[in-house]
PDB file of N, CA and C in Angstrom:
ATOM      1  N   MET A   1     131.973  18.277 135.587  1.00  0.00           N
ATOM      2  CA  MET A   1     132.654  19.041 136.586  1.00  0.00           C
ATOM      3  C   MET A   1     133.827  18.104 137.262  1.00  0.00           C
ATOM      4  N   ASP A   2     133.906  16.845 137.191  1.00  0.00           N
ATOM      5  CA  ASP A   2     135.014  15.945 137.716  1.00  0.00           C
ATOM      6  C   ASP A   2     136.069  16.158 136.743  1.00  0.00           C
ATOM      7  N   LYS A   3     135.627  16.077 135.488  1.00  0.00           N
ATOM      8  CA  LYS A   3     136.752  16.059 134.435  1.00  0.00           C
ATOM      9  C   LYS A   3     137.815  17.406 134.662  1.00  0.00           C
ATOM     10  N   LYS A   4     137.001  18.509 134.895  1.00  0.00           N
ATOM     11  CA  LYS A   4     137.554  19.835 134.874  1.00  0.00           C
ATOM     12  C   LYS A   4     138.591  19.893 135.973  1.00  0.00           C
ATOM     13  N   ASN A   5     138.163  19.310 137.201  1.00  0.00           N
ATOM     14  CA  ASN A   5     138.964  19.204 138.442  1.00  0.00           C
ATOM     15  C   ASN A   5     140.144  18.250 138.241  1.00  0.00           C
ATOM     16  N   ALA A   6     139.963  17.145 137.719  1.00  0.00           N
ATOM     17  CA  ALA A   6     141.039  16.281 137.217  1.00  0.00           C
ATOM     18  C   ALA A   6     142.000  16.918 136.356  1.00  0.00           C
ATOM     19  N   LEU A   7     141.517  17.614 135.290  1.00  0.00           N
ATOM     20  CA  LEU A   7     142.573  18.234 134.488  1.00  0.00           C
ATOM     21  C   LEU A   7     143.445  19.389 135.102  1.00  0.00           C
ATOM     22  N   ARG A   8     142.713  20.249 136.061  1.00  0.00           N
ATOM     23  CA  ARG A   8     143.319  21.110 136.626  1.00  0.00           C
ATOM     24  C   ARG A   8     144.359  20.499 137.784  1.00  0.00           C
ATOM     25  N   ALA A   9     143.960  19.494 138.357  1.00  0.00           N
ATOM     26  CA  ALA A   9     144.950  18.905 139.296  1.00  0.00           C
ATOM     27  C   ALA A   9     146.304  18.289 138.513  1.00  0.00           C
ATOM     28  N   GLY A  10     145.858  17.593 137.280  1.00  0.00           N
ATOM     29  CA  GLY A  10     147.124  17.064 136.454  1.00  0.00           C
ATOM     30  C   GLY A  10     147.881  18.296 136.042  1.00  0.00           C
ATOM     31  N   ALA A  11     147.551  19.420 135.556  1.00  0.00           N
ATOM     32  CA  ALA A  11     148.123  20.502 135.009  1.00  0.00           C
ATOM     33  C   ALA A  11     148.774  20.857 136.042  1.00  0.00           C
ATOM     34  N   LEU A  12     148.540  20.896 137.396  1.00  0.00           N
ATOM     35  CA  LEU A  12     149.232  21.609 138.499  1.00  0.00           C
ATOM     36  C   LEU A  12     150.315  20.784 138.934  1.00  0.00           C
ATOM     37  N   ALA A  13     149.885  19.258 138.891  1.00  0.00           N
ATOM     38  CA  ALA A  13     151.279  18.344 139.225  1.00  0.00           C
ATOM     39  C   ALA A  13     152.229  18.394 138.083  1.00  0.00           C
ATOM     40  N   ALA A  14     151.775  18.405 136.940  1.00  0.00           N
ATOM     41  CA  ALA A  14     152.907  18.549 135.791  1.00  0.00           C
ATOM     42  C   ALA A  14     153.763  19.800 135.926  1.00  0.00           C
ATOM     43  N   GLY A  15     153.030  20.986 135.983  1.00  0.00           N
ATOM     44  CA  GLY A  15     153.621  22.244 136.482  1.00  0.00           C
ATOM     45  C   GLY A  15     154.630  22.194 137.619  1.00  0.00           C
ATOM     46  N   THR A  16     154.222  21.642 138.547  1.00  0.00           N
ATOM     47  CA  THR A  16     155.188  21.520 139.847  1.00  0.00           C
ATOM     48  C   THR A  16     156.351  20.675 139.629  1.00  0.00           C
ATOM     49  N   THR A  17     156.047  19.596 138.887  1.00  0.00           N
ATOM     50  CA  THR A  17     157.254  18.556 138.426  1.00  0.00           C
ATOM     51  C   THR A  17     158.244  19.166 137.457  1.00  0.00           C
ATOM     52  N   LEU A  18     157.788  20.063 136.723  1.00  0.00           N
ATOM     53  CA  LEU A  18     158.533  20.729 135.700  1.00  0.00           C
ATOM     54  C   LEU A  18     159.261  21.620 136.331  1.00  0.00           C
ATOM     55  N   MET A  19     158.713  22.467 137.276  1.00  0.00           N
ATOM     56  CA  MET A  19     159.405  23.474 137.971  1.00  0.00           C
ATOM     57  C   MET A  19     160.717  22.988 138.985  1.00  0.00           C
ATOM     58  N   MET A  20     160.344  21.898 139.525  1.00  0.00           N
ATOM     59  CA  MET A  20     161.086  21.295 140.377  1.00  0.00           C
ATOM     60  C   MET A  20     162.428  20.662 139.528  1.00  0.00           C
ATOM     61  N   LEU A  21     162.093  20.165 138.253  1.00  0.00           N
ATOM     62  CA  LEU A  21     163.171  19.517 137.439  1.00  0.00           C
ATOM     63  C   LEU A  21     164.141  20.983 137.046  1.00  0.00           C
ATOM     64  N   LEU A  22     163.495  21.736 136.512  1.00  0.00           N
ATOM     65  CA  LEU A  22     164.232  22.960 136.086  1.00  0.00           C
ATOM     66  C   LEU A  22     165.027  23.667 137.295  1.00  0.00           C
ATOM     67  N   MET A  23     164.354  23.820 138.454  1.00  0.00           N
ATOM     68  CA  MET A  23     165.412  24.467 139.516  1.00  0.00           C
ATOM     69  C   MET A  23     166.537  23.475 140.052  1.00  0.00           C
ATOM     70  N   SER A  24     166.485  22.113 139.801  1.00  0.00           N
ATOM     71  CA  SER A  24     167.518  21.343 140.646  1.00  0.00           C
ATOM     72  C   SER A  24     168.606  21.185 139.836  1.00  0.00           C
ATOM     73  N   SER A  25     168.852  21.710 138.779  1.00  0.00           N
ATOM     74  CA  SER A  25     170.219  22.153 137.953  1.00  0.00           C
ATOM     75  C   SER A  25     171.261  21.025 138.254  1.00  0.00           C
ATOM     76  N   PRO A  26     171.208  19.912 137.561  1.00  0.00           N
ATOM     77  CA  PRO A  26     172.352  18.781 137.784  1.00  0.00           C
ATOM     78  C   PRO A  26     173.490  19.267 137.344  1.00  0.00           C
ATOM     79  N   ALA A  27     173.686  20.360 136.632  1.00  0.00           N
ATOM     80  CA  ALA A  27     175.057  20.752 136.313  1.00  0.00           C
ATOM     81  C   ALA A  27     175.832  21.272 137.310  1.00  0.00           C
ATOM     82  N   LEU A  28     175.398  21.786 138.313  1.00  0.00           N
ATOM     83  CA  LEU A  28     176.162  22.091 139.447  1.00  0.00           C
ATOM     84  C   LEU A  28     176.819  21.096 140.308  1.00  0.00           C
ATOM     85  N   ALA A  29     176.251  19.874 139.997  1.00  0.00           N
ATOM     86  CA  ALA A  29     176.924  18.753 140.777  1.00  0.00           C
ATOM     87  C   ALA A  29     178.313  18.508 140.459  1.00  0.00           C
ATOM     88  N   LEU A  30     178.833  19.158 139.104  1.00  0.00           N
ATOM     89  CA  LEU A  30     180.221  18.839 138.834  1.00  0.00           C
ATOM     90  C   LEU A  30     181.007  19.689 139.495  1.00  0.00           C
ATOM     91  N   THR A  31     180.660  20.916 140.153  1.00  0.00           N
ATOM     92  CA  THR A  31     181.412  21.761 141.005  1.00  0.00           C
ATOM     93  C   THR A  31     181.632  21.215 142.315  1.00  0.00           C
ATOM     94  N   ARG A  32     182.951  20.917 142.750  1.00  0.00           N
ATOM     95  CA  ARG A  32     183.297  20.384 144.068  1.00  0.00           C
ATOM     96  C   ARG A  32     182.983  21.341 145.043  1.00  0.00           C
ATOM     97  N   ASP A  33     182.480  21.105 146.338  1.00  0.00           N
ATOM     98  CA  ASP A  33     182.540  22.109 147.262  1.00  0.00           C
ATOM     99  C   ASP A  33     183.842  21.952 148.278  1.00  0.00           C
ATOM    100  N   ASP A  34     183.967  22.887 149.018  1.00  0.00           N
ATOM    101  CA  ASP A  34     185.017  22.695 150.133  1.00  0.00           C
ATOM    102  C   ASP A  34     184.751  21.556 151.031  1.00  0.00           C
ATOM    103  N   GLY A  35     185.936  20.802 151.207  1.00  0.00           N
ATOM    104  CA  GLY A  35     185.758  19.714 151.990  1.00  0.00           C
ATOM    105  C   GLY A  35     185.172  18.287 151.411  1.00  0.00           C
ATOM    106  N   ASP A  36     185.012  18.699 150.168  1.00  0.00           N
ATOM    107  CA  ASP A  36     184.288  17.536 149.354  1.00  0.00           C
ATOM    108  C   ASP A  36     185.378  16.483 148.976  1.00  0.00           C
ATOM    109  N   ASP A  37     185.245  15.260 149.424  1.00  0.00           N
ATOM    110  CA  ASP A  37     186.239  14.284 149.322  1.00  0.00           C
ATOM    111  C   ASP A  37     185.621  13.104 148.766  1.00  0.00           C
ATOM    112  N   PRO A  38     185.329  12.721 147.660  1.00  0.00           N
ATOM    113  CA  PRO A  38     184.740  11.641 147.117  1.00  0.00           C
ATOM    114  C   PRO A  38     185.561  10.509 146.785  1.00  0.00           C
ATOM    115  N   GLY A  39     185.101   9.361 147.272  1.00  0.00           N
ATOM    116  CA  GLY A  39     185.933   7.982 147.357  1.00  0.00           C
ATOM    117  C   GLY A  39     185.879   7.491 145.810  1.00  0.00           C
ATOM    118  N   SER A  40     186.464   6.354 145.801  1.00  0.00           N
ATOM    119  CA  SER A  40     186.703   5.723 144.534  1.00  0.00           C
ATOM    120  C   SER A  40     185.231   5.038 144.190  1.00  0.00           C
ATOM    121  N   GLY A  41     184.701   4.883 143.069  1.00  0.00           N
ATOM    122  CA  GLY A  41     183.435   4.385 142.814  1.00  0.00           C
ATOM    123  C   GLY A  41     183.485   2.849 142.813  1.00  0.00           C
ATOM    124  N   LEU A  42     182.310   2.300 142.867  1.00  0.00           N
ATOM    125  CA  LEU A  42     182.149   0.955 143.267  1.00  0.00           C
ATOM    126  C   LEU A  42     181.965   0.223 141.836  1.00  0.00           C
ATOM    127  N   SER A  43     182.580  -1.121 141.992  1.00  0.00           N
ATOM    128  CA  SER A  43     182.590  -1.803 140.630  1.00  0.00           C
ATOM    129  C   SER A  43     180.931  -2.374 140.465  1.00  0.00           C
ATOM    130  N   VAL A  44     180.737  -3.128 139.384  1.00  0.00           N
ATOM    131  CA  VAL A  44     179.550  -3.640 139.264  1.00  0.00           C
ATOM    132  C   VAL A  44     179.118  -4.775 140.270  1.00  0.00           C
ATOM    133  N   GLY A  45     180.202  -5.640 140.466  1.00  0.00           N
ATOM    134  CA  GLY A  45     180.173  -6.599 141.665  1.00  0.00           C
ATOM    135  C   GLY A  45     179.800  -6.056 142.890  1.00  0.00           C
ATOM    136  N   GLU A  46     180.519  -5.123 143.136  1.00  0.00           N
ATOM    137  CA  GLU A  46     180.208  -4.593 144.656  1.00  0.00           C
ATOM    138  C   GLU A  46     178.897  -3.825 144.809  1.00  0.00           C
ATOM    139  N   THR A  47     178.508  -3.221 143.405  1.00  0.00           N
ATOM    140  CA  THR A  47     177.204  -2.479 143.570  1.00  0.00           C
ATOM    141  C   THR A  47     176.147  -3.587 143.729  1.00  0.00           C
ATOM    142  N   LEU A  48     176.110  -4.715 142.984  1.00  0.00           N
ATOM    143  CA  LEU A  48     175.336  -5.706 143.061  1.00  0.00           C
ATOM    144  C   LEU A  48     175.134  -6.493 144.484  1.00  0.00           C
ATOM    145  N   GLY A  49     176.519  -6.640 145.050  1.00  0.00           N
ATOM    146  CA  GLY A  49     176.380  -7.293 146.259  1.00  0.00           C
ATOM    147  C   GLY A  49     175.867  -6.306 147.467  1.00  0.00           C
ATOM    148  N   LEU A  50     176.061  -5.012 147.346  1.00  0.00           N
ATOM    149  CA  LEU A  50     175.703  -4.132 148.287  1.00  0.00           C
ATOM    150  C   LEU A  50     174.131  -3.850 148.405  1.00  0.00           C
ATOM    151  N   TYR A  51     173.691  -3.802 147.105  1.00  0.00           N
ATOM    152  CA  TYR A  51     172.140  -3.429 147.015  1.00  0.00           C
ATOM    153  C   TYR A  51     171.172  -4.345 146.573  1.00  0.00           C
ATOM    154  N   VAL A  52     171.753  -5.543 146.210  1.00  0.00           N
ATOM    155  CA  VAL A  52     170.839  -6.827 145.771  1.00  0.00           C
ATOM    156  C   VAL A  52     171.107  -8.090 146.705  1.00  0.00           C
ATOM    157  N   VAL A  53     172.465  -8.415 146.730  1.00  0.00           N
ATOM    158  CA  VAL A  53     172.650  -9.681 147.485  1.00  0.00           C
ATOM    159  C   VAL A  53     172.599  -9.323 148.922  1.00  0.00           C
ATOM    160  N   ALA A  54     173.028  -8.481 149.497  1.00  0.00           N
ATOM    161  CA  ALA A  54     173.013  -8.310 151.061  1.00  0.00           C
ATOM    162  C   ALA A  54     171.658  -8.024 151.569  1.00  0.00           C
ATOM    163  N   PRO A  55     170.633  -7.320 150.875  1.00  0.00           N
ATOM    164  CA  PRO A  55     169.343  -7.105 151.352  1.00  0.00           C
ATOM    165  C   PRO A  55     168.761  -8.498 151.443  1.00  0.00           C
ATOM    166  N   ILE A  56     168.894  -9.151 150.419  1.00  0.00           N
ATOM    167  CA  ILE A  56     168.126 -10.573 150.271  1.00  0.00           C
ATOM    168  C   ILE A  56     168.804 -11.616 151.359  1.00  0.00           C
ATOM    169  N   ALA A  57     170.054 -11.338 151.646  1.00  0.00           N
ATOM    170  CA  ALA A  57     170.781 -12.417 152.666  1.00  0.00           C
ATOM    171  C   ALA A  57     170.232 -11.830 154.158  1.00  0.00           C
ATOM    172  N   ILE A  58     169.954 -10.522 154.395  1.00  0.00           N
ATOM    173  CA  ILE A  58     169.760 -10.196 155.611  1.00  0.00           C
ATOM    174  C   ILE A  58     168.079 -10.627 155.696  1.00  0.00           C
ATOM    175  N   PHE A  59     167.397 -10.533 154.773  1.00  0.00           N
ATOM    176  CA  PHE A  59     165.975 -10.772 154.749  1.00  0.00           C
ATOM    177  C   PHE A  59     165.890 -12.357 155.019  1.00  0.00           C
ATOM    178  N   ALA A  60     166.708 -13.096 154.389  1.00  0.00           N
ATOM    179  CA  ALA A  60     166.578 -14.622 154.608  1.00  0.00           C
ATOM    180  C   ALA A  60     167.210 -15.063 156.082  1.00  0.00           C
ATOM    181  N   LEU A  61     168.146 -14.307 156.416  1.00  0.00           N
ATOM    182  CA  LEU A  61     168.572 -14.708 157.892  1.00  0.00           C
ATOM    183  C   LEU A  61     167.567 -14.417 158.897  1.00  0.00           C
ATOM    184  N   ILE A  62     166.891 -13.195 158.779  1.00  0.00           N
ATOM    185  CA  ILE A  62     165.911 -12.878 159.798  1.00  0.00           C
ATOM    186  C   ILE A  62     164.538 -13.726 159.603  1.00  0.00           C
ATOM    187  N   ALA A  63     164.160 -14.114 158.359  1.00  0.00           N
ATOM    188  CA  ALA A  63     163.128 -14.955 158.188  1.00  0.00           C
ATOM    189  C   ALA A  63     163.502 -16.495 158.690  1.00  0.00           C
ATOM    190  N   GLY A  64     164.736 -16.946 158.466  1.00  0.00           N
ATOM    191  CA  GLY A  64     165.216 -18.143 159.000  1.00  0.00           C
ATOM    192  C   GLY A  64     165.179 -18.072 160.662  1.00  0.00           C
ATOM    193  N   LEU A  65     165.535 -17.238 160.974  1.00  0.00           N
ATOM    194  CA  LEU A  65     165.714 -17.137 162.653  1.00  0.00           C
ATOM    195  C   LEU A  65     164.340 -17.092 163.261  1.00  0.00           C
ATOM    196  N   VAL A  66     163.350 -16.285 162.545  1.00  0.00           N
ATOM    197  CA  VAL A  66     161.908 -16.512 163.020  1.00  0.00           C
ATOM    198  C   VAL A  66     161.174 -17.802 162.852  1.00  0.00           C
ATOM    199  N   TRP A  67     161.696 -18.547 161.659  1.00  0.00           N
ATOM    200  CA  TRP A  67     161.127 -19.816 161.514  1.00  0.00           C
ATOM    201  C   TRP A  67     161.636 -20.737 162.675  1.00  0.00           C
ATOM    202  N   VAL A  68     163.071 -20.657 162.757  1.00  0.00           N
ATOM    203  CA  VAL A  68     163.510 -21.766 163.633  1.00  0.00           C
ATOM    204  C   VAL A  68     163.160 -21.358 165.148  1.00  0.00           C
ATOM    205  N   LEU A  69     163.104 -20.187 165.569  1.00  0.00           N
ATOM    206  CA  LEU A  69     162.801 -19.875 166.904  1.00  0.00           C
ATOM    207  C   LEU A  69     161.246 -19.702 167.199  1.00  0.00           C
ATOM    208  N   ASP A  70     160.542 -20.116 166.217  1.00  0.00           N
ATOM    209  CA  ASP A  70     159.017 -19.899 166.705  1.00  0.00           C
ATOM    210  C   ASP A  70     158.623 -21.070 167.541  1.00  0.00           C
ATOM    211  N   LYS A  71     158.144 -20.579 168.636  1.00  0.00           N
ATOM    212  CA  LYS A  71     157.641 -21.655 169.733  1.00  0.00           C
ATOM    213  C   LYS A  71     156.151 -21.813 169.827  1.00  0.00           C
ATOM    214  N   SER A  72     155.460 -21.171 168.773  1.00  0.00           N
ATOM    215  CA  SER A  72     153.996 -21.378 168.976  1.00  0.00           C
ATOM    216  C   SER A  72     153.740 -22.762 168.493  1.00  0.00           C
ATOM    217  N   LYS A  73     152.392 -23.019 169.099  1.00  0.00           N
ATOM    218  CA  LYS A  73     152.071 -24.546 168.859  1.00  0.00           C
ATOM    219  C   LYS A  73     151.394 -24.506 167.227  1.00  0.00           C
ATOM    220  N   ASP A  74     151.009 -25.623 167.187  1.00  0.00           N
ATOM    221  CA  ASP A  74     150.488 -25.976 165.657  1.00  0.00           C
ATOM    222  C   ASP A  74     149.196 -25.180 165.385  1.00  0.00           C
ATOM    223  N   ARG A  75     149.120 -24.555 164.650  1.00  0.00           N
ATOM    224  CA  ARG A  75     148.104 -23.505 164.207  1.00  0.00           C
ATOM    225  C   ARG A  75     147.027 -24.268 163.294  1.00  0.00           C
ATOM    226  N   GLY A  76     146.833 -25.488 163.553  1.00  0.00           N
ATOM    227  CA  GLY A  76     145.707 -26.216 162.849  1.00  0.00           C
ATOM    228  C   GLY A  76     144.308 -25.740 163.218  1.00  0.00           C
ATOM    229  N   ASP A  77     143.485 -26.083 162.531  1.00  0.00           N
ATOM    230  CA  ASP A  77     141.978 -25.543 162.807  1.00  0.00           C
ATOM    231  C   ASP A  77     141.395 -26.647 163.844  1.00  0.00           C
ATOM    232  N   THR A  78     141.423 -26.282 165.071  1.00  0.00           N
ATOM    233  CA  THR A  78     140.919 -27.155 166.072  1.00  0.00           C
ATOM    234  C   THR A  78     139.403 -27.054 166.152  1.00  0.00           C
ATOM    235  N   THR A  79     138.733 -26.020 165.583  1.00  0.00           N
ATOM    236  CA  THR A  79     137.085 -25.892 166.011  1.00  0.00           C
ATOM    237  C   THR A  79     136.577 -26.778 165.004  1.00  0.00           C
ATOM    238  N   SER A  80     136.747 -26.984 163.834  1.00  0.00           N
ATOM    239  CA  SER A  80     135.928 -27.767 162.996  1.00  0.00           C
ATOM    240  C   SER A  80     136.370 -29.217 162.634  1.00  0.00           C
ATOM    241  N   SER A  81     137.551 -29.320 163.064  1.00  0.00           N
ATOM    242  CA  SER A  81     138.323 -30.825 162.855  1.00  0.00           C
ATOM    243  C   SER A  81     137.711 -31.785 163.896  1.00  0.00           C
ATOM    244  N   ASN A  82     137.092 -31.409 165.039  1.00  0.00           N
ATOM    245  CA  ASN A  82     136.538 -32.299 165.998  1.00  0.00           C
ATOM    246  C   ASN A  82     135.111 -32.363 166.222  1.00  0.00           C
ATOM    247  N   ILE A  83     134.314 -31.970 165.392  1.00  0.00           N
ATOM    248  CA  ILE A  83     132.902 -32.010 165.290  1.00  0.00           C
ATOM    249  C   ILE A  83     132.395 -33.043 164.150  1.00  0.00           C
ATOM    250  N   THR A  84     131.469 -33.841 165.187  1.00  0.00           N
ATOM    251  CA  THR A  84     130.971 -34.846 164.304  1.00  0.00           C
ATOM    252  C   THR A  84     129.537 -34.651 164.012  1.00  0.00           C
ATOM    253  N   VAL A  85     128.817 -34.513 162.998  1.00  0.00           N
ATOM    254  CA  VAL A  85     127.727 -34.362 162.571  1.00  0.00           C
ATOM    255  C   VAL A  85     126.805 -35.594 162.260  1.00  0.00           C
ATOM    256  N   ARG A  86     125.854 -35.644 163.201  1.00  0.00           N
ATOM    257  CA  ARG A  86     124.804 -36.855 162.882  1.00  0.00           C
ATOM    258  C   ARG A  86     123.500 -36.364 162.583  1.00  0.00           C
ATOM    259  N   GLY A  87     122.841 -36.766 161.903  1.00  0.00           N
ATOM    260  CA  GLY A  87     121.389 -36.511 161.765  1.00  0.00           C
ATOM    261  C   GLY A  87     120.572 -37.255 162.716  1.00  0.00           C
ATOM    262  N   GLN A  88     120.047 -36.618 163.879  1.00  0.00           N
ATOM    263  CA  GLN A  88     119.269 -37.173 164.885  1.00  0.00           C
ATOM    264  C   GLN A  88     118.004 -36.651 164.838  1.00  0.00           C
ATOM    265  N   ALA A  89     117.606 -35.735 164.091  1.00  0.00           N
ATOM    266  CA  ALA A  89     116.252 -35.309 164.096  1.00  0.00           C
ATOM    267  C   ALA A  89     115.394 -36.019 163.064  1.00  0.00           C
ATOM    268  N   LYS A  90     114.227 -36.680 163.802  1.00  0.00           N
ATOM    269  CA  LYS A  90     113.341 -37.216 162.972  1.00  0.00           C
ATOM    270  C   LYS A  90     112.030 -36.466 162.498  1.00  0.00           C
ATOM    271  N   ALA A  91     111.805 -36.429 161.299  1.00  0.00           N
ATOM    272  CA  ALA A  91     110.679 -35.904 160.935  1.00  0.00           C
ATOM    273  C   ALA A  91     109.513 -36.486 161.375  1.00  0.00           C
ATOM    274  N   LYS A  92     108.520 -35.791 161.978  1.00  0.00           N
ATOM    275  CA  LYS A  92     107.000 -36.248 162.493  1.00  0.00           C
ATOM    276  C   LYS A  92     106.015 -35.810 161.232  1.00  0.00           C
ATOM    277  N   ALA A  93     105.254 -36.603 160.717  1.00  0.00           N
ATOM    278  CA  ALA A  93     104.301 -36.200 159.874  1.00  0.00           C
ATOM    279  C   ALA A  93     103.135 -36.670 160.109  1.00  0.00           C
TER     280      ALA A  93
END
């Protein structure tokens, strides 16, 4: 019964995807609308700078600020490092 439901769900997903692709008609993208004023395209360097370098730089800046401005104390394990274990129990036979 599970295979039948999985097959039905897969067919439904594939059919929905196919219908969405067929109805989205990318050929209409060539027709300009009123008031449409596209700018000039980006070069490869501009595209890489905008979508690769800039997010990495922003992430590094935020991570650096968090690291430098972190005021928390040392997060060492203080509960187990100060315990001394001595065997003081003596067995009585």
